[in-house]
N, C-alpha and C. Protein backbone atom coordinates (compact mmCIF):
# COMPACT_ATOMS: atom_id res chain seq x y z
N UNK A 1 75.00 144.05 82.25
CA UNK A 1 76.34 143.31 81.67
C UNK A 1 76.77 142.56 82.95
N UNK A 2 77.22 141.43 82.61
CA UNK A 2 77.77 140.45 83.44
C UNK A 2 78.92 140.82 84.12
N UNK A 3 79.15 140.19 85.37
CA UNK A 3 80.58 140.47 86.10
C UNK A 3 81.41 139.91 85.10
N UNK A 4 81.31 139.08 84.62
CA UNK A 4 82.69 138.36 83.95
C UNK A 4 83.07 139.33 82.72
N UNK A 5 82.21 139.90 82.19
CA UNK A 5 82.34 141.06 81.06
C UNK A 5 82.81 142.13 81.52
N UNK A 6 82.33 142.70 82.61
CA UNK A 6 83.00 143.90 83.26
C UNK A 6 84.47 143.51 83.61
N UNK A 7 84.95 142.41 84.16
CA UNK A 7 86.01 142.03 84.46
C UNK A 7 87.06 142.25 83.28
N UNK A 8 86.40 141.37 82.27
CA UNK A 8 87.03 141.22 80.82
C UNK A 8 87.71 142.65 80.40
N UNK A 9 86.60 143.55 80.58
CA UNK A 9 86.87 144.83 79.89
C UNK A 9 87.71 145.74 80.78
N UNK A 10 87.99 145.56 82.01
CA UNK A 10 88.93 146.18 82.94
C UNK A 10 90.35 145.70 82.86
N UNK A 11 90.60 144.50 82.17
CA UNK A 11 91.97 143.91 81.84
C UNK A 11 92.54 144.73 81.06
N UNK A 12 93.89 145.11 81.07
CA UNK A 12 95.06 145.88 79.91
C UNK A 12 94.73 145.04 78.84
N UNK A 13 94.57 145.97 77.82
CA UNK A 13 94.47 145.41 76.38
C UNK A 13 95.30 144.45 76.12
N UNK A 14 96.57 144.52 76.24
CA UNK A 14 97.58 143.78 76.31
C UNK A 14 97.58 142.27 76.80
N UNK A 15 96.85 142.21 77.80
CA UNK A 15 96.49 141.01 78.44
C UNK A 15 95.33 140.15 77.80
N UNK A 16 94.59 141.12 77.62
CA UNK A 16 93.28 140.29 76.82
C UNK A 16 93.76 139.75 75.41
N UNK A 17 94.57 140.55 74.76
CA UNK A 17 95.00 139.97 73.69
C UNK A 17 95.86 138.72 73.97
N UNK A 18 96.48 138.77 74.85
CA UNK A 18 97.27 137.59 75.06
C UNK A 18 96.72 136.28 75.30
N UNK A 19 95.52 136.67 76.17
CA UNK A 19 94.63 135.44 76.33
C UNK A 19 94.06 135.15 75.27
N UNK A 20 93.36 136.09 74.37
CA UNK A 20 92.58 135.70 73.28
C UNK A 20 93.65 134.81 72.22
N UNK A 21 95.15 135.32 72.30
CA UNK A 21 95.96 134.57 71.29
C UNK A 21 96.02 133.22 71.72
N UNK A 22 96.20 133.27 72.96
CA UNK A 22 96.51 131.79 73.35
C UNK A 22 95.23 130.79 73.14
N UNK A 23 93.95 131.43 73.07
CA UNK A 23 93.12 130.47 72.61
C UNK A 23 92.95 130.16 71.19
N UNK A 24 93.59 131.22 70.49
CA UNK A 24 93.58 131.16 68.85
C UNK A 24 94.74 130.22 68.65
N UNK A 25 96.13 130.34 69.42
CA UNK A 25 96.95 129.31 69.50
C UNK A 25 96.80 128.01 69.64
N UNK A 26 95.99 127.88 70.83
CA UNK A 26 95.73 126.69 71.13
C UNK A 26 94.74 125.93 69.96
N UNK A 27 93.89 126.39 69.50
CA UNK A 27 93.00 125.74 68.20
C UNK A 27 94.25 125.32 67.30
N UNK A 28 94.85 126.35 66.89
CA UNK A 28 95.99 126.13 65.73
C UNK A 28 96.82 124.91 66.43
N UNK A 29 97.27 124.85 67.45
CA UNK A 29 98.08 123.94 68.23
C UNK A 29 97.38 122.37 68.08
N UNK A 30 96.12 122.31 68.22
CA UNK A 30 95.37 121.26 68.02
C UNK A 30 95.49 120.62 66.55
N UNK A 31 95.42 121.58 65.59
CA UNK A 31 95.64 121.07 64.26
C UNK A 31 97.31 120.68 63.98
N UNK A 32 97.94 121.67 64.46
CA UNK A 32 99.55 121.19 64.46
C UNK A 32 99.99 119.81 64.79
N UNK A 33 99.55 119.74 66.03
CA UNK A 33 100.08 118.74 66.91
C UNK A 33 99.10 117.25 66.24
N UNK A 34 97.94 117.53 65.94
CA UNK A 34 97.24 116.33 65.32
C UNK A 34 98.04 115.82 64.06
N UNK A 35 98.39 117.01 63.35
CA UNK A 35 99.02 116.43 62.02
C UNK A 35 100.46 115.79 62.37
N UNK A 36 101.13 116.35 63.35
CA UNK A 36 102.25 115.85 63.72
C UNK A 36 102.10 114.23 64.24
N UNK A 37 101.38 114.02 64.96
CA UNK A 37 101.14 112.60 65.62
C UNK A 37 100.66 111.61 64.32
N UNK A 38 99.81 112.35 63.65
CA UNK A 38 99.42 111.40 62.50
C UNK A 38 100.32 111.02 61.50
N UNK A 39 100.88 112.15 60.99
CA UNK A 39 102.00 111.90 60.39
C UNK A 39 103.01 110.98 60.47
N UNK A 40 103.52 111.30 61.70
CA UNK A 40 104.60 110.43 62.46
C UNK A 40 104.24 108.96 62.47
N UNK A 41 102.97 108.68 62.75
CA UNK A 41 102.58 107.54 62.95
C UNK A 41 102.51 106.73 61.54
N UNK A 42 102.32 107.52 60.47
CA UNK A 42 102.39 107.11 59.07
C UNK A 42 103.69 106.94 58.51
N UNK A 43 104.79 107.36 59.41
CA UNK A 43 105.91 107.00 58.84
C UNK A 43 106.76 108.25 58.26
N UNK A 44 106.10 109.35 58.39
CA UNK A 44 106.75 110.67 57.88
C UNK A 44 107.68 111.14 58.88
N UNK A 45 109.04 111.69 58.37
CA UNK A 45 110.05 112.04 59.37
C UNK A 45 109.34 113.17 60.23
N UNK A 46 109.92 113.23 61.43
CA UNK A 46 109.27 114.04 62.50
C UNK A 46 109.65 115.53 62.03
N UNK A 47 110.55 115.89 61.44
CA UNK A 47 110.85 117.34 61.12
C UNK A 47 109.80 117.66 60.08
N UNK A 48 109.49 116.95 58.80
CA UNK A 48 108.74 116.94 57.97
C UNK A 48 107.04 117.06 58.44
N UNK A 49 106.68 116.11 59.41
CA UNK A 49 105.41 116.37 59.83
C UNK A 49 105.44 117.57 60.80
N UNK A 50 106.23 118.03 61.71
CA UNK A 50 106.45 118.92 62.53
C UNK A 50 106.12 120.21 61.42
N UNK A 51 106.88 120.46 60.50
CA UNK A 51 106.61 121.56 59.41
C UNK A 51 105.33 121.71 58.85
N UNK A 52 104.87 120.42 58.32
CA UNK A 52 103.50 120.48 57.90
C UNK A 52 102.23 120.95 59.04
N UNK A 53 102.59 120.47 60.21
CA UNK A 53 101.75 120.81 61.17
C UNK A 53 101.48 122.29 61.45
N UNK A 54 102.83 122.53 61.55
CA UNK A 54 102.99 124.08 62.01
C UNK A 54 102.68 125.17 61.13
N UNK A 55 102.88 124.84 59.52
CA UNK A 55 102.29 125.83 58.87
C UNK A 55 100.98 125.79 58.62
N UNK A 56 100.16 124.51 58.85
CA UNK A 56 98.62 124.31 58.82
C UNK A 56 98.18 125.25 60.06
N UNK A 57 98.79 125.17 61.05
CA UNK A 57 98.25 125.90 62.30
C UNK A 57 98.47 127.67 62.02
N UNK A 58 99.26 127.99 61.17
CA UNK A 58 99.37 129.45 60.74
C UNK A 58 98.08 130.22 60.27
N UNK A 59 97.41 129.37 59.43
CA UNK A 59 96.20 129.80 58.69
C UNK A 59 95.49 130.03 59.73
N UNK A 60 94.97 129.13 60.55
CA UNK A 60 94.10 129.34 61.86
C UNK A 60 94.38 130.16 62.90
N UNK A 61 95.64 130.64 62.97
CA UNK A 61 95.85 131.69 63.92
C UNK A 61 95.80 132.96 63.32
N UNK A 62 96.17 133.13 62.06
CA UNK A 62 96.15 134.09 61.29
C UNK A 62 94.51 134.70 61.14
N UNK A 63 93.59 133.71 60.71
CA UNK A 63 92.31 134.24 60.67
C UNK A 63 91.64 134.58 62.04
N UNK A 64 91.82 133.96 63.09
CA UNK A 64 91.44 134.53 64.42
C UNK A 64 92.25 135.62 64.87
N UNK A 65 93.26 135.94 64.80
CA UNK A 65 94.15 137.06 65.16
C UNK A 65 93.44 138.31 64.46
N UNK A 66 93.19 138.32 63.15
CA UNK A 66 92.66 139.39 62.58
C UNK A 66 91.17 139.66 62.90
N UNK A 67 90.60 138.58 63.30
CA UNK A 67 88.97 138.66 63.46
C UNK A 67 88.61 138.85 64.76
N UNK A 68 89.48 138.32 65.64
CA UNK A 68 89.10 138.30 67.34
C UNK A 68 90.03 138.73 68.09
N UNK A 69 91.24 138.49 67.93
CA UNK A 69 92.38 138.81 69.09
C UNK A 69 92.83 140.31 69.00
N UNK A 70 93.33 140.79 67.91
CA UNK A 70 93.79 142.09 67.92
C UNK A 70 92.95 143.18 67.38
N UNK A 71 92.88 144.06 68.07
CA UNK A 71 92.24 145.43 67.57
C UNK A 71 92.67 146.34 66.65
N UNK A 72 94.05 146.19 66.98
CA UNK A 72 94.75 147.28 66.20
C UNK A 72 95.44 146.30 65.02
N UNK A 73 95.50 147.02 63.67
CA UNK A 73 96.19 146.70 62.75
C UNK A 73 97.19 147.82 62.04
N UNK A 74 98.32 147.50 61.99
CA UNK A 74 99.58 148.53 61.68
C UNK A 74 99.52 148.77 60.17
N UNK A 75 99.40 147.45 59.44
CA UNK A 75 99.54 147.57 57.95
C UNK A 75 98.37 147.31 57.13
N UNK A 76 97.86 148.58 56.47
CA UNK A 76 96.54 148.76 55.91
C UNK A 76 96.42 147.90 54.96
N UNK A 77 97.52 147.30 53.98
CA UNK A 77 97.62 146.50 52.99
C UNK A 77 97.51 144.97 53.48
N UNK A 78 96.40 144.40 53.41
CA UNK A 78 96.15 142.75 53.81
C UNK A 78 97.17 141.93 53.36
N UNK A 79 97.70 142.01 52.09
CA UNK A 79 98.44 140.93 51.69
C UNK A 79 99.98 140.99 52.52
N UNK A 80 100.46 142.61 52.52
CA UNK A 80 101.40 142.82 53.37
C UNK A 80 101.51 142.09 54.63
N UNK A 81 100.29 142.60 55.36
CA UNK A 81 100.09 141.92 56.52
C UNK A 81 100.09 140.53 56.76
N UNK A 82 99.55 139.80 55.57
CA UNK A 82 99.53 138.59 55.78
C UNK A 82 101.29 138.05 55.54
N UNK A 83 101.86 138.70 54.83
CA UNK A 83 103.11 138.36 54.58
C UNK A 83 104.09 138.32 55.89
N UNK A 84 103.91 139.58 56.27
CA UNK A 84 104.87 139.75 57.62
C UNK A 84 104.31 138.70 58.76
N UNK A 85 102.75 138.54 58.65
CA UNK A 85 102.34 137.19 59.75
C UNK A 85 103.29 136.11 59.27
N UNK A 86 103.04 135.77 58.16
CA UNK A 86 103.88 134.52 57.53
C UNK A 86 105.39 134.46 57.82
N UNK A 87 105.90 135.54 57.74
CA UNK A 87 107.31 135.77 58.19
C UNK A 87 107.70 135.44 59.44
N UNK A 88 106.78 136.13 60.57
CA UNK A 88 106.68 135.61 61.74
C UNK A 88 106.91 134.15 62.16
N UNK A 89 105.71 133.75 61.45
CA UNK A 89 105.43 132.48 61.37
C UNK A 89 106.50 131.27 60.85
N UNK A 90 107.35 131.97 59.72
CA UNK A 90 108.62 131.15 59.18
C UNK A 90 109.79 131.12 60.49
N UNK A 91 109.86 132.09 61.02
CA UNK A 91 110.86 132.43 61.94
C UNK A 91 110.38 131.42 62.99
N UNK A 92 109.15 131.52 63.40
CA UNK A 92 108.64 130.37 64.53
C UNK A 92 108.79 129.19 64.24
N UNK A 93 108.73 128.73 62.71
CA UNK A 93 109.00 127.31 62.26
C UNK A 93 110.51 126.98 62.68
N UNK A 94 111.32 127.73 62.12
CA UNK A 94 112.81 127.46 62.18
C UNK A 94 112.87 127.30 63.92
N UNK A 95 112.70 127.96 64.48
CA UNK A 95 112.69 127.87 65.92
C UNK A 95 112.21 126.62 66.45
N UNK A 96 110.58 126.28 65.82
CA UNK A 96 110.46 125.17 66.20
C UNK A 96 110.94 123.84 65.58
N UNK A 97 111.73 123.61 64.65
CA UNK A 97 112.38 123.01 64.14
C UNK A 97 113.60 122.56 64.93
N UNK A 98 114.43 123.68 65.32
CA UNK A 98 115.26 123.52 66.11
C UNK A 98 115.08 122.80 67.48
N UNK A 99 114.00 123.45 67.97
CA UNK A 99 113.83 122.94 69.50
C UNK A 99 113.13 121.28 69.18
N UNK A 100 112.47 120.99 68.29
CA UNK A 100 112.20 119.70 68.20
C UNK A 100 113.48 118.83 67.80
N UNK A 101 114.36 119.14 66.96
CA UNK A 101 115.47 118.42 66.81
C UNK A 101 116.43 118.17 68.25
N UNK A 102 116.49 119.61 68.98
CA UNK A 102 117.08 119.45 70.28
C UNK A 102 116.64 118.17 71.32
N UNK A 103 115.11 118.27 71.69
CA UNK A 103 114.46 117.35 72.39
C UNK A 103 114.42 115.97 71.63
N UNK A 104 114.49 115.81 70.75
CA UNK A 104 114.12 114.55 70.00
C UNK A 104 115.59 113.98 69.83
N UNK A 105 116.29 114.38 69.40
CA UNK A 105 117.99 113.93 69.21
C UNK A 105 118.66 113.86 70.33
N UNK A 106 118.79 115.04 70.78
CA UNK A 106 119.69 115.11 72.18
C UNK A 106 118.95 114.72 73.43
N UNK A 107 117.81 114.76 73.82
CA UNK A 107 117.15 114.25 75.09
C UNK A 107 116.47 112.92 74.72
N UNK A 108 116.26 112.55 73.62
CA UNK A 108 115.80 111.15 73.13
C UNK A 108 114.05 111.35 73.74
N UNK A 109 113.41 112.67 73.57
CA UNK A 109 111.95 112.79 73.69
C UNK A 109 111.36 112.07 72.68
N UNK A 110 110.17 111.61 72.67
CA UNK A 110 109.36 111.37 71.51
C UNK A 110 108.54 112.59 70.97
N UNK A 111 108.47 112.75 69.76
CA UNK A 111 108.00 113.93 69.00
C UNK A 111 106.69 114.41 69.68
N UNK A 112 105.89 113.76 69.93
CA UNK A 112 104.51 114.28 70.61
C UNK A 112 104.64 114.84 71.75
N UNK A 113 105.81 114.21 72.68
CA UNK A 113 106.15 114.82 74.01
C UNK A 113 107.03 116.28 73.88
N UNK A 114 108.06 116.13 73.10
CA UNK A 114 108.76 117.48 72.50
C UNK A 114 108.15 118.47 71.93
N UNK A 115 106.88 118.19 71.58
CA UNK A 115 106.17 119.47 71.08
C UNK A 115 105.53 120.25 71.93
N UNK A 116 105.57 119.81 73.62
CA UNK A 116 104.78 120.62 74.41
C UNK A 116 105.71 122.09 74.84
N UNK A 117 107.35 121.52 75.08
CA UNK A 117 108.00 122.69 75.48
C UNK A 117 108.29 123.38 74.28
N UNK A 118 108.16 123.09 73.05
CA UNK A 118 108.47 123.91 71.76
C UNK A 118 107.50 124.61 71.59
N UNK A 119 106.30 124.21 71.69
CA UNK A 119 104.82 124.93 71.70
C UNK A 119 105.04 126.11 72.52
N UNK A 120 105.27 125.92 73.91
CA UNK A 120 105.05 127.00 74.56
C UNK A 120 106.20 128.19 74.37
N UNK A 121 107.44 127.82 74.06
CA UNK A 121 108.63 128.68 73.66
C UNK A 121 108.21 129.48 72.40
N UNK A 122 107.63 128.84 71.43
CA UNK A 122 107.48 129.49 70.11
C UNK A 122 106.02 130.36 70.37
N UNK A 123 105.24 129.95 70.86
CA UNK A 123 103.97 130.70 71.35
C UNK A 123 104.22 132.18 71.93
N UNK A 124 105.32 132.20 72.97
CA UNK A 124 105.62 133.63 73.50
C UNK A 124 106.34 134.28 72.44
N UNK A 125 107.36 133.56 71.59
CA UNK A 125 107.84 134.12 70.42
C UNK A 125 107.06 134.98 69.55
N UNK A 126 105.99 134.10 68.95
CA UNK A 126 105.02 134.51 67.97
C UNK A 126 104.20 135.64 68.60
N UNK A 127 103.70 135.64 69.63
CA UNK A 127 102.79 136.50 70.23
C UNK A 127 103.67 138.14 70.28
N UNK A 128 104.92 137.69 70.96
CA UNK A 128 105.36 139.03 71.15
C UNK A 128 105.95 140.00 69.91
N UNK A 129 106.51 139.06 68.87
CA UNK A 129 106.74 139.68 67.81
C UNK A 129 105.58 140.25 66.88
N UNK A 130 104.69 139.34 66.58
CA UNK A 130 103.24 139.83 65.80
C UNK A 130 102.84 140.91 66.47
N UNK A 131 102.58 141.02 67.66
CA UNK A 131 101.85 142.11 68.40
C UNK A 131 102.86 143.40 68.16
N UNK A 132 104.12 143.38 68.51
CA UNK A 132 105.06 144.42 68.17
C UNK A 132 105.18 145.07 66.80
N UNK A 133 105.08 144.04 65.77
CA UNK A 133 105.41 144.39 64.32
C UNK A 133 103.96 144.86 63.51
N UNK A 134 102.87 144.09 63.96
CA UNK A 134 101.80 144.07 63.22
C UNK A 134 100.53 144.77 63.93
N UNK A 135 100.34 144.44 65.15
CA UNK A 135 99.08 144.54 65.67
C UNK A 135 99.03 145.38 67.02
N UNK A 136 99.81 146.35 67.13
CA UNK A 136 100.06 147.37 68.12
C UNK A 136 99.10 148.74 67.63
N UNK A 137 98.68 149.27 68.64
CA UNK A 137 97.98 150.71 68.34
C UNK A 137 99.02 151.27 67.74
N UNK A 138 98.42 152.34 66.66
CA UNK A 138 99.39 153.40 66.11
C UNK A 138 99.99 154.18 67.12
N UNK A 139 101.25 154.47 66.95
CA UNK A 139 101.82 155.58 67.73
C UNK A 139 102.45 155.21 69.10
N UNK A 140 102.03 153.86 69.33
CA UNK A 140 102.58 153.10 70.62
C UNK A 140 103.58 152.49 70.36
N UNK A 141 104.99 152.96 71.06
CA UNK A 141 106.30 152.48 70.96
C UNK A 141 106.23 151.10 71.17
N UNK A 142 107.06 150.22 70.34
CA UNK A 142 106.99 148.79 70.26
C UNK A 142 107.54 148.32 71.38
N UNK A 143 108.62 148.94 72.01
CA UNK A 143 109.28 148.57 73.09
C UNK A 143 108.50 148.42 74.52
N UNK A 144 107.43 149.53 74.57
CA UNK A 144 106.72 149.49 75.49
C UNK A 144 105.27 148.45 75.60
N UNK A 145 105.17 147.85 74.40
CA UNK A 145 104.18 146.82 74.26
C UNK A 145 104.33 145.32 74.69
């Protein structure tokens, strides 16, 4: 076994999940941000373009979350799990829209630039809530995860 693999396995599970979720989110952000830039270039309102990109990224994130990122799944019914994942995503979308409006309207940032701090803050929100509600080990207190 290689050194990198040994080091990876020694990391606390939460840190491994955070790093993998960061990778999954980066891929989703590529879809999200790409759609934001293309749609705004085509004249679509930045908030509609932001919502379109964000919701498109949810599918990417969910697929990777359940196949690669998280080992534990608290909800046995996959439809309910996806609805919970989507619910957190919609809360993240509300946060995204508020932050985008703040950066663009109040601080006069371009939508593409405004997406940078927005994505960082929403990433932390989504990971924390999804891990606590959907993907922690059974019997582990959510406050400790």
